[in-house]
Amino acid sequence: MTVSYTLKVADAKFGGFSKLLFRWKGSIYKLIYREFVVFCLLYSFISVIYRCVLNIEQQEMFERLARHCNKFAKLIPMSFVLGFYVTQAFQRWWGQYTSFPLPDNLMMVVSGNVHGTDERGRLLRRTLMRYANLSSVLILRSISTRVRKRFPTLEDIVEAGFMTAEELKKLNHLYSDFNKYWMPLAWFANLASHARKEGRVKDDIALRLLMDELNNYRSKCSMLFHYDWISIPLVYTQVVTVAVYSFFTFCLIGRQFVKPEKPEEKVVDLYVPIFTLLEFFFYAGWLKVGELIINPFGEDDDDFETNQLIDRNIQVSMLAVDDMHQNLPPLEKDKYWVDKGPSYPLATMKPVFMGSTHDMRILEDDNEESVPTPKTQMLAINVWPTTHKVKKQKSKSLQQSCLCCRSTCKGERFRHDQPSKTFQSPQQQQTMTIQHVCQEKLLGSPETTGPANLDP
């Protein structure tokens, strides 16, 4: 059965994944413990021969061989080869899962568009869904070892109730060299056409909806068959396998604790290659993951529960089109007929998210600094209808309204009232004249001369 640990990792906490390391079913230990034991025994055997059997000259020759193997074994791109292979295998595994034919959409369309509460209408709906489930059983029987063991012959499918004896004769009568999983779906299409002629299907739009959902269901069955037919190229699987096994074959010799090449070098003889064993655990486990997910229709711990899915699909589809057809609960006013929203206890009430800038506060100084300084002199233009504004100070109102100069209007007006005692150039006089005209227009506008803006 598929190993599920979703509840154990619902909350991220200290040592959350560490609790999963002690599981055996579906674990990496169960997958590679045989290879791990063989690797340890071979390493120990070579180490004992080097230390106890070989003479001095043979030990020197073995040491040179060990250094050579350790030097060139690092050139094998293990991470790249394994990483790309497992990525492709995982994408293939997920595609097979999403291609599994589920009758949920089809049974909803059949229940809502094939009408009739009499025995004939009930028979039509149940037969249509039985044909759909029969097609999935036939395709899963050809790709899944579990389903094949459950239904070794077509007579077992008849005994299980997915097909009648007459339908089996029809299936065997049509000769074809290829898989005939599509025949029940052809029966489905013809039976839906008969239901349209009888008036059980009200219009052509409903019939078209039935055909569309049938084609979607058929495409998923076909995709599962093609996934089983077209595999990841064998050459790539061979490259990955040869790379892993050759790498650790060289490690059996190259990772031995031998005497250093130079006498002054000091090497720690640990007898047990801890880091080499960890490397074997990671790389061999990576290869086993690819081997596990490349075909999820086997009998591994994490393979798809195809038999359970078959039982679920036939039960749910029959309930939807038979027991639940036109079997509606009485209409009643819901709890929120008057209350417009759900109520929660005050202890569990949490603020509703309104956006990241909902509680943002903008200061007046920041707002003024964010206004860019115009490079050219412009006159203020009022685009809003004329209304009475709130009473404000005249100097502050003029300071916010006047855009032709950055200085305050109050200071500028005072500067115009006092006669200039210093010499001004013609350019400065022209600038002062423009500013004076702008202030007169602002002071003479209806918005600024209204009674709400007069000083008391």
Protein backbone atom coordinates (compact mmCIF):
# COMPACT_ATOMS: atom_id res chain seq x y z
CA MET A 1 0.00 0.00 0.00
CA THR A 2 1.20 3.51 -0.73
CA VAL A 3 3.09 5.00 2.21
CA SER A 4 1.60 8.35 3.25
CA TYR A 5 3.31 10.62 5.77
CA THR A 6 1.52 13.88 4.95
CA LEU A 7 0.06 14.30 8.44
CA LYS A 8 3.48 13.93 10.05
CA VAL A 9 4.84 16.93 8.14
CA ALA A 10 1.76 19.12 8.34
CA ASP A 11 3.61 21.57 10.61
CA ALA A 12 7.24 22.56 10.22
CA LYS A 13 8.93 22.12 13.58
CA PHE A 14 12.24 21.15 15.11
CA GLY A 15 13.31 17.72 13.90
CA GLY A 16 10.20 17.32 11.74
CA PHE A 17 11.77 15.12 9.07
CA SER A 18 13.94 13.25 11.56
CA LYS A 19 10.91 11.24 12.71
CA LEU A 20 10.54 9.86 9.20
CA LEU A 21 14.04 8.39 9.24
CA PHE A 22 13.00 5.49 11.48
CA ARG A 23 10.37 4.08 9.15
CA TRP A 24 11.07 0.85 7.32
CA LYS A 25 8.20 0.43 4.85
CA GLY A 26 8.81 2.50 1.77
CA SER A 27 12.19 3.68 3.09
CA ILE A 28 15.51 3.95 1.31
CA TYR A 29 16.97 1.41 3.74
CA LYS A 30 14.59 -1.24 2.44
CA LEU A 31 15.59 -0.48 -1.15
CA ILE A 32 19.40 -0.54 -0.89
CA TYR A 33 20.28 -2.62 2.16
CA ARG A 34 21.23 -5.64 0.04
CA GLU A 35 23.56 -3.63 -2.20
CA PHE A 36 24.96 -1.88 0.87
CA VAL A 37 25.80 -5.19 2.58
CA VAL A 38 27.46 -6.53 -0.58
CA PHE A 39 29.58 -3.39 -0.93
CA CYS A 40 30.72 -3.57 2.71
CA LEU A 41 31.65 -7.25 2.40
CA LEU A 42 33.65 -6.69 -0.78
CA TYR A 43 35.46 -3.72 0.73
CA SER A 44 36.32 -5.69 3.86
CA PHE A 45 37.52 -8.64 1.81
CA ILE A 46 39.91 -6.47 -0.25
CA SER A 47 41.12 -4.68 2.88
CA VAL A 48 41.93 -7.97 4.64
CA ILE A 49 43.84 -9.23 1.60
CA TYR A 50 45.86 -6.01 1.41
CA ARG A 51 46.74 -5.98 5.10
CA CYS A 52 47.25 -9.69 5.80
CA VAL A 53 47.92 -11.63 2.60
CA LEU A 54 50.04 -9.48 0.27
CA ASN A 55 53.78 -9.11 0.77
CA ILE A 56 55.62 -5.78 0.73
CA GLU A 57 56.13 -5.65 -3.06
CA GLN A 58 52.55 -6.63 -3.74
CA GLN A 59 51.34 -4.03 -1.23
CA GLU A 60 53.32 -1.31 -3.02
CA MET A 61 51.79 -2.34 -6.34
CA PHE A 62 48.32 -2.34 -4.78
CA GLU A 63 48.94 1.11 -3.31
CA ARG A 64 49.84 2.52 -6.74
CA LEU A 65 46.71 0.91 -8.17
CA ALA A 66 44.57 2.37 -5.37
CA ARG A 67 45.91 5.91 -5.93
CA HIS A 68 45.32 5.58 -9.66
CA CYS A 69 41.71 4.39 -9.20
CA ASN A 70 40.96 7.11 -6.68
CA LYS A 71 42.36 9.78 -9.00
CA PHE A 72 40.38 8.87 -12.10
CA ALA A 73 37.15 7.75 -10.40
CA LYS A 74 36.46 11.40 -9.59
CA LEU A 75 36.17 12.15 -13.32
CA ILE A 76 32.85 10.25 -13.58
CA PRO A 77 30.07 12.94 -13.49
CA MET A 78 27.86 11.13 -11.02
CA SER A 79 25.78 14.12 -9.88
CA PHE A 80 24.97 15.27 -13.40
CA VAL A 81 24.12 11.82 -14.79
CA LEU A 82 21.98 10.75 -11.84
CA GLY A 83 20.33 14.12 -11.31
CA PHE A 84 19.11 14.47 -14.90
CA TYR A 85 17.94 10.85 -15.02
CA VAL A 86 15.93 11.05 -11.79
CA THR A 87 14.40 14.36 -12.92
CA GLN A 88 13.16 12.78 -16.15
CA ALA A 89 11.88 9.72 -14.28
CA PHE A 90 9.98 11.91 -11.80
CA GLN A 91 8.32 13.92 -14.58
CA ARG A 92 7.30 10.65 -16.19
CA TRP A 93 5.96 9.36 -12.84
CA TRP A 94 3.85 12.49 -12.30
CA GLY A 95 2.53 12.34 -15.87
CA GLN A 96 1.40 8.77 -15.33
CA TYR A 97 -0.38 9.77 -12.14
CA THR A 98 -2.24 12.65 -13.80
CA SER A 99 -3.17 10.38 -16.73
CA PHE A 100 -5.00 7.87 -14.54
CA PRO A 101 -8.61 7.64 -15.85
CA LEU A 102 -11.04 8.81 -13.18
CA PRO A 103 -14.77 8.73 -14.05
CA ASP A 104 -15.78 11.65 -11.84
CA ASN A 105 -16.38 14.22 -14.59
CA LEU A 106 -18.05 11.67 -16.83
CA MET A 107 -20.44 10.39 -14.15
CA MET A 108 -21.55 13.96 -13.34
CA VAL A 109 -22.40 14.60 -16.99
CA VAL A 110 -24.23 11.27 -17.32
CA SER A 111 -26.21 11.85 -14.13
CA GLY A 112 -27.27 15.34 -15.20
CA ASN A 113 -28.01 14.77 -18.90
CA VAL A 114 -29.37 11.20 -19.23
CA HIS A 115 -32.87 11.59 -17.84
CA GLY A 116 -35.46 9.12 -16.70
CA THR A 117 -36.30 7.73 -13.28
CA ASP A 118 -37.82 4.56 -14.71
CA GLU A 119 -36.01 1.25 -15.13
CA ARG A 120 -34.94 2.06 -18.70
CA GLY A 121 -33.28 5.34 -17.69
CA ARG A 122 -31.57 3.72 -14.75
CA LEU A 123 -30.31 0.89 -16.98
CA LEU A 124 -28.92 3.37 -19.52
CA ARG A 125 -26.98 5.36 -16.95
CA ARG A 126 -25.54 2.33 -15.17
CA THR A 127 -24.54 0.68 -18.44
CA LEU A 128 -22.80 3.81 -19.68
CA MET A 129 -20.68 4.04 -16.55
CA ARG A 130 -20.00 0.32 -16.55
CA TYR A 131 -18.60 0.63 -20.07
CA ALA A 132 -16.31 3.46 -18.94
CA ASN A 133 -15.02 1.47 -15.97
CA LEU A 134 -14.59 -1.64 -18.14
CA SER A 135 -12.29 0.32 -20.44
CA SER A 136 -10.08 1.41 -17.53
CA VAL A 137 -9.96 -2.18 -16.22
CA LEU A 138 -8.82 -3.46 -19.61
CA ILE A 139 -6.06 -0.86 -19.92
CA LEU A 140 -4.85 -1.32 -16.33
CA ARG A 141 -4.90 -5.08 -16.77
CA SER A 142 -2.39 -4.68 -19.61
CA ILE A 143 0.06 -2.40 -17.74
CA SER A 144 -0.28 -3.18 -14.00
CA THR A 145 0.96 -6.40 -12.44
CA ARG A 146 -1.47 -6.08 -9.54
CA VAL A 147 -4.52 -5.83 -11.81
CA ARG A 148 -3.20 -8.64 -14.01
CA LYS A 149 -2.96 -10.92 -10.98
CA ARG A 150 -6.49 -9.95 -9.97
CA PHE A 151 -7.94 -10.53 -13.47
CA PRO A 152 -5.72 -13.12 -15.18
CA THR A 153 -8.38 -13.84 -17.84
CA LEU A 154 -11.32 -11.97 -19.35
CA GLU A 155 -13.70 -14.44 -17.72
CA ASP A 156 -12.56 -13.10 -14.35
CA ILE A 157 -13.68 -9.62 -15.46
CA VAL A 158 -17.09 -11.09 -16.33
CA GLU A 159 -17.27 -12.77 -12.92
CA ALA A 160 -16.40 -9.48 -11.20
CA GLY A 161 -19.37 -7.80 -12.91
CA PHE A 162 -17.57 -5.34 -15.16
CA MET A 163 -18.71 -7.17 -18.32
CA THR A 164 -21.47 -9.56 -19.32
CA ALA A 165 -21.06 -12.83 -21.18
CA GLU A 166 -22.63 -11.36 -24.36
CA GLU A 167 -20.27 -8.43 -24.23
CA LEU A 168 -17.34 -10.82 -23.89
CA LYS A 169 -18.48 -12.60 -27.05
CA LYS A 170 -18.65 -9.25 -28.85
CA LEU A 171 -15.19 -8.39 -27.61
CA ASN A 172 -13.69 -11.70 -28.73
CA HIS A 173 -15.56 -11.68 -32.06
CA LEU A 174 -13.78 -8.54 -33.23
CA TYR A 175 -10.29 -9.53 -34.29
CA SER A 176 -7.46 -7.05 -33.76
CA ASP A 177 -3.74 -7.38 -33.28
CA PHE A 178 -3.73 -4.48 -30.83
CA ASN A 179 -5.18 -3.79 -27.42
CA LYS A 180 -8.98 -3.56 -27.53
CA TYR A 181 -9.49 -1.35 -24.48
CA TRP A 182 -11.28 1.19 -26.71
CA MET A 183 -14.21 -1.09 -27.59
CA PRO A 184 -16.30 -0.38 -24.44
CA LEU A 185 -15.90 3.34 -25.14
CA ALA A 186 -17.27 2.80 -28.65
CA TRP A 187 -20.24 1.02 -27.06
CA PHE A 188 -20.64 4.05 -24.78
CA ALA A 189 -20.81 6.43 -27.76
CA ASN A 190 -23.38 4.30 -29.62
CA LEU A 191 -25.53 3.86 -26.52
CA ALA A 192 -25.49 7.62 -25.90
CA SER A 193 -26.73 8.14 -29.47
CA HIS A 194 -29.61 5.72 -28.84
CA ALA A 195 -30.46 7.62 -25.66
CA ARG A 196 -30.60 10.84 -27.71
CA LYS A 197 -33.03 9.24 -30.18
CA GLU A 198 -35.22 8.03 -27.31
CA GLY A 199 -35.34 11.50 -25.82
CA ARG A 200 -33.39 10.55 -22.70
CA VAL A 201 -30.78 13.12 -23.74
CA LYS A 202 -32.75 16.32 -24.30
CA ASP A 203 -30.70 18.06 -27.02
CA ASP A 204 -27.56 17.86 -29.12
CA ILE A 205 -25.67 20.13 -26.75
CA ALA A 206 -26.04 17.60 -23.95
CA LEU A 207 -24.96 14.81 -26.33
CA ARG A 208 -21.91 16.87 -27.33
CA LEU A 209 -21.02 17.33 -23.66
CA LEU A 210 -21.21 13.56 -23.16
CA MET A 211 -18.93 12.97 -26.17
CA ASP A 212 -16.39 15.54 -24.97
CA GLU A 213 -16.08 13.98 -21.53
CA LEU A 214 -15.90 10.53 -23.13
CA ASN A 215 -13.01 11.65 -25.34
CA ASN A 216 -11.16 13.09 -22.35
CA TYR A 217 -11.58 9.79 -20.53
CA ARG A 218 -10.41 7.85 -23.59
CA SER A 219 -7.35 10.09 -24.03
CA LYS A 220 -6.20 9.31 -20.48
CA CYS A 221 -6.56 5.58 -21.08
CA SER A 222 -4.58 5.96 -24.29
CA MET A 223 -1.90 8.00 -22.54
CA LEU A 224 -1.39 5.29 -19.92
CA PHE A 225 -0.96 2.73 -22.70
CA HIS A 226 1.62 4.93 -24.44
CA TYR A 227 3.53 5.52 -21.20
CA ASP A 228 3.80 1.74 -20.85
CA TRP A 229 4.79 1.35 -24.49
CA ILE A 230 7.30 4.21 -24.83
CA SER A 231 9.90 4.15 -22.05
CA ILE A 232 12.90 6.32 -21.28
CA PRO A 233 15.53 5.33 -23.87
CA LEU A 234 17.32 2.18 -22.79
CA VAL A 235 20.74 3.63 -23.58
CA TYR A 236 20.31 6.33 -20.93
CA THR A 237 19.26 3.80 -18.30
CA GLN A 238 22.31 1.72 -19.19
CA VAL A 239 24.62 4.76 -18.98
CA VAL A 240 23.35 5.62 -15.50
CA THR A 241 23.64 2.03 -14.25
CA VAL A 242 27.14 1.54 -15.66
CA ALA A 243 28.27 4.89 -14.24
CA VAL A 244 27.11 4.06 -10.71
CA TYR A 245 28.40 0.50 -10.58
CA SER A 246 31.75 1.33 -12.19
CA PHE A 247 32.28 4.27 -9.85
CA PHE A 248 31.82 2.13 -6.74
CA THR A 249 33.86 -0.70 -8.23
CA PHE A 250 36.78 1.70 -8.46
CA CYS A 251 35.98 2.91 -4.93
CA LEU A 252 36.45 -0.63 -3.60
CA ILE A 253 40.14 -0.29 -4.48
CA GLY A 254 40.73 3.44 -4.58
CA ARG A 255 39.18 4.22 -1.19
CA GLN A 256 41.29 1.69 0.73
CA PHE A 257 43.43 3.08 3.55
CA VAL A 258 46.90 2.53 2.11
CA LYS A 259 50.31 3.86 3.09
CA PRO A 260 51.03 7.43 1.95
CA GLU A 261 53.11 7.98 -1.16
CA LYS A 262 55.58 10.18 0.76
CA PRO A 263 56.92 8.93 4.10
CA GLU A 264 56.52 12.34 5.77
CA GLU A 265 52.78 12.41 5.04
CA LYS A 266 50.49 11.31 7.82
CA VAL A 267 47.27 9.45 7.00
CA VAL A 268 44.64 8.35 9.50
CA ASP A 269 43.80 4.68 9.12
CA LEU A 270 40.13 4.36 10.10
CA TYR A 271 39.59 0.82 8.73
CA VAL A 272 35.94 1.74 8.08
CA PRO A 273 35.45 4.18 5.13
CA ILE A 274 32.72 6.30 6.66
CA PHE A 275 32.52 8.93 3.92
CA THR A 276 32.70 6.32 1.16
CA LEU A 277 29.77 4.47 2.73
CA LEU A 278 27.80 7.70 2.92
CA GLU A 279 28.59 8.37 -0.73
CA PHE A 280 27.39 4.89 -1.63
CA PHE A 281 24.21 5.47 0.37
CA PHE A 282 23.45 8.71 -1.49
CA TYR A 283 24.31 7.68 -5.05
CA ALA A 284 22.96 4.13 -4.87
CA GLY A 285 19.83 5.46 -3.17
CA TRP A 286 19.44 8.01 -5.95
CA LEU A 287 19.64 5.23 -8.54
CA LYS A 288 17.06 3.19 -6.61
CA VAL A 289 14.68 6.14 -6.56
CA GLY A 290 14.84 6.28 -10.35
CA GLU A 291 14.27 2.53 -10.50
CA LEU A 292 11.28 2.85 -8.17
CA ILE A 293 9.40 5.64 -9.96
CA ILE A 294 10.15 4.76 -13.56
CA ASN A 295 7.22 2.30 -13.49
CA PRO A 296 4.67 2.97 -10.70
CA PHE A 297 2.37 0.13 -11.77
CA GLY A 298 4.32 -2.63 -10.06
CA GLU A 299 4.11 -4.00 -6.53
CA ASP A 300 6.53 -1.74 -4.67
CA ASP A 301 5.50 -0.01 -1.48
CA ASP A 302 5.03 3.36 -3.19
CA ASP A 303 3.46 2.14 -6.44
CA PHE A 304 -0.08 3.12 -7.38
CA GLU A 305 -2.89 1.21 -5.69
CA THR A 306 -4.59 0.28 -8.95
CA ASN A 307 -6.95 -2.33 -7.50
CA GLN A 308 -8.18 0.07 -4.86
CA LEU A 309 -8.73 2.75 -7.50
CA ILE A 310 -10.76 0.32 -9.64
CA ASP A 311 -13.04 -0.53 -6.71
CA ARG A 312 -13.44 3.12 -5.82
CA ASN A 313 -14.29 4.17 -9.38
CA ILE A 314 -17.00 1.57 -9.96
CA GLN A 315 -18.65 2.21 -6.60
CA VAL A 316 -18.64 6.00 -6.83
CA SER A 317 -19.79 6.11 -10.46
CA MET A 318 -22.74 3.80 -9.80
CA LEU A 319 -23.81 5.82 -6.77
CA ALA A 320 -23.68 9.05 -8.76
CA VAL A 321 -25.78 7.88 -11.71
CA ASP A 322 -28.24 5.64 -9.83
CA ASP A 323 -28.86 6.29 -6.15
CA MET A 324 -28.18 10.03 -6.35
CA HIS A 325 -29.98 10.67 -9.65
CA GLN A 326 -32.78 13.18 -8.97
CA ASN A 327 -32.45 12.33 -5.29
CA LEU A 328 -32.17 15.85 -3.91
CA PRO A 329 -32.51 17.00 -0.31
CA PRO A 330 -35.34 19.49 0.42
CA LEU A 331 -34.54 23.13 -0.18
CA GLU A 332 -34.18 25.13 3.04
CA LYS A 333 -32.89 28.54 3.96
CA ASP A 334 -29.29 28.28 4.96
CA LYS A 335 -27.80 29.56 8.20
CA TYR A 336 -26.49 32.70 6.53
CA TRP A 337 -29.79 33.72 4.98
CA VAL A 338 -29.75 36.77 7.26
CA ASP A 339 -26.18 36.76 8.54
CA LYS A 340 -23.94 37.68 5.65
CA GLY A 341 -20.85 35.91 6.88
CA PRO A 342 -19.68 33.08 9.12
CA SER A 343 -19.24 33.78 12.82
CA TYR A 344 -16.22 32.66 14.79
CA PRO A 345 -15.44 32.72 18.50
CA LEU A 346 -13.55 35.83 19.53
CA ALA A 347 -10.63 33.74 20.72
CA THR A 348 -10.05 32.31 17.22
CA MET A 349 -10.86 35.50 15.29
CA LYS A 350 -7.98 36.60 13.09
CA PRO A 351 -7.68 39.80 11.06
CA VAL A 352 -8.57 39.49 7.40
CA PHE A 353 -5.79 40.17 4.94
CA MET A 354 -6.59 43.35 3.00
CA GLY A 355 -3.34 43.83 1.12
CA SER A 356 0.26 44.59 2.06
CA THR A 357 -0.24 48.38 1.79
CA HIS A 358 -3.59 48.49 3.62
CA ASP A 359 -2.11 49.76 6.92
CA MET A 360 0.52 51.96 5.31
CA ARG A 361 0.77 55.48 6.79
CA ILE A 362 1.96 58.36 4.57
CA LEU A 363 3.37 61.41 6.38
CA GLU A 364 2.88 64.91 4.98
CA ASP A 365 6.63 65.52 4.81
CA ASP A 366 7.14 62.31 2.84
CA ASN A 367 4.31 63.26 0.51
CA GLU A 368 5.84 66.66 -0.18
CA GLU A 369 9.27 65.18 -0.78
CA SER A 370 7.86 62.69 -3.23
CA VAL A 371 6.51 65.44 -5.51
CA PRO A 372 9.11 66.02 -8.26
CA THR A 373 10.30 69.55 -8.90
CA PRO A 374 9.04 70.70 -12.34
CA LYS A 375 11.76 71.75 -14.73
CA THR A 376 9.50 74.32 -16.47
CA GLN A 377 7.12 76.85 -14.98
CA MET A 378 3.50 75.67 -15.16
CA LEU A 379 0.21 77.20 -14.08
CA ALA A 380 -2.08 75.22 -11.78
CA ILE A 381 -5.13 73.86 -13.58
CA ASN A 382 -8.21 72.82 -11.64
CA VAL A 383 -9.86 69.73 -13.13
CA TRP A 384 -12.47 69.26 -10.40
CA PRO A 385 -15.88 71.01 -10.21
CA THR A 386 -16.00 74.23 -8.25
CA THR A 387 -16.89 73.47 -4.62
CA HIS A 388 -16.52 75.20 -1.27
CA LYS A 389 -13.35 73.94 0.34
CA VAL A 390 -12.63 73.54 4.00
CA LYS A 391 -11.40 76.66 5.68
CA LYS A 392 -7.62 76.73 5.77
CA GLN A 393 -4.91 79.22 6.35
CA LYS A 394 -4.22 81.38 3.34
CA SER A 395 -0.49 80.87 3.37
CA LYS A 396 -0.79 77.06 3.54
CA SER A 397 -3.46 77.01 0.80
CA LEU A 398 -1.33 79.10 -1.50
CA GLN A 399 1.72 76.99 -0.73
CA GLN A 400 -0.03 73.76 -1.78
CA SER A 401 -1.80 75.29 -4.83
CA CYS A 402 0.99 77.28 -6.43
CA LEU A 403 3.16 75.07 -8.61
CA CYS A 404 4.97 77.76 -10.56
CA CYS A 405 7.60 78.31 -7.85
CA ARG A 406 8.95 76.28 -4.91
CA SER A 407 8.99 79.20 -2.43
CA THR A 408 5.93 80.09 -0.37
CA CYS A 409 3.43 82.50 -1.84
CA LYS A 410 3.37 84.49 1.33
CA GLY A 411 7.04 85.27 1.09
CA GLU A 412 6.77 86.08 -2.60
CA ARG A 413 3.86 88.48 -2.03
CA PHE A 414 5.80 90.23 0.68
CA ARG A 415 8.70 90.50 -1.69
CA HIS A 416 6.46 92.11 -4.37
CA ASP A 417 4.90 94.58 -1.90
CA GLN A 418 8.29 95.95 -0.80
CA PRO A 419 10.08 98.06 -3.39
CA SER A 420 13.35 96.53 -4.43
CA LYS A 421 16.35 98.55 -3.35
CA THR A 422 18.86 96.42 -5.19
CA PHE A 423 19.59 96.33 -8.85
CA GLN A 424 17.86 93.51 -10.75
CA SER A 425 18.72 92.23 -14.17
CA PRO A 426 16.07 92.12 -16.95
CA GLN A 427 15.90 88.32 -16.65
CA GLN A 428 15.19 88.51 -12.92
CA GLN A 429 12.53 91.18 -13.49
CA GLN A 430 10.81 88.95 -16.08
CA THR A 431 10.81 85.99 -13.65
CA MET A 432 9.31 88.09 -10.87
CA THR A 433 6.61 89.38 -13.24
CA ILE A 434 5.60 85.81 -14.20
CA GLN A 435 5.42 84.78 -10.54
CA HIS A 436 3.31 87.84 -9.72
CA VAL A 437 0.83 87.08 -12.52
CA CYS A 438 0.55 83.48 -11.34
CA GLN A 439 -0.24 84.56 -7.79
CA GLU A 440 -2.87 87.01 -8.99
CA LYS A 441 -4.60 84.28 -10.98
CA LEU A 442 -4.55 81.93 -8.04
CA LEU A 443 -5.82 84.58 -5.65
CA GLY A 444 -8.49 85.62 -8.10
CA SER A 445 -9.81 82.12 -8.85
CA PRO A 446 -13.28 81.12 -7.58
CA GLU A 447 -11.84 78.41 -5.37
CA THR A 448 -9.50 80.73 -3.49
CA THR A 449 -11.75 83.83 -3.34
CA GLY A 450 -14.81 82.09 -1.94
CA PRO A 451 -16.13 82.99 1.49
CA ALA A 452 -14.76 79.74 2.94
CA ASN A 453 -11.17 80.88 2.29
CA LEU A 454 -11.47 84.43 3.70
CA ASP A 455 -9.72 85.21 6.89
CA PRO A 456 -12.03 85.92 9.80
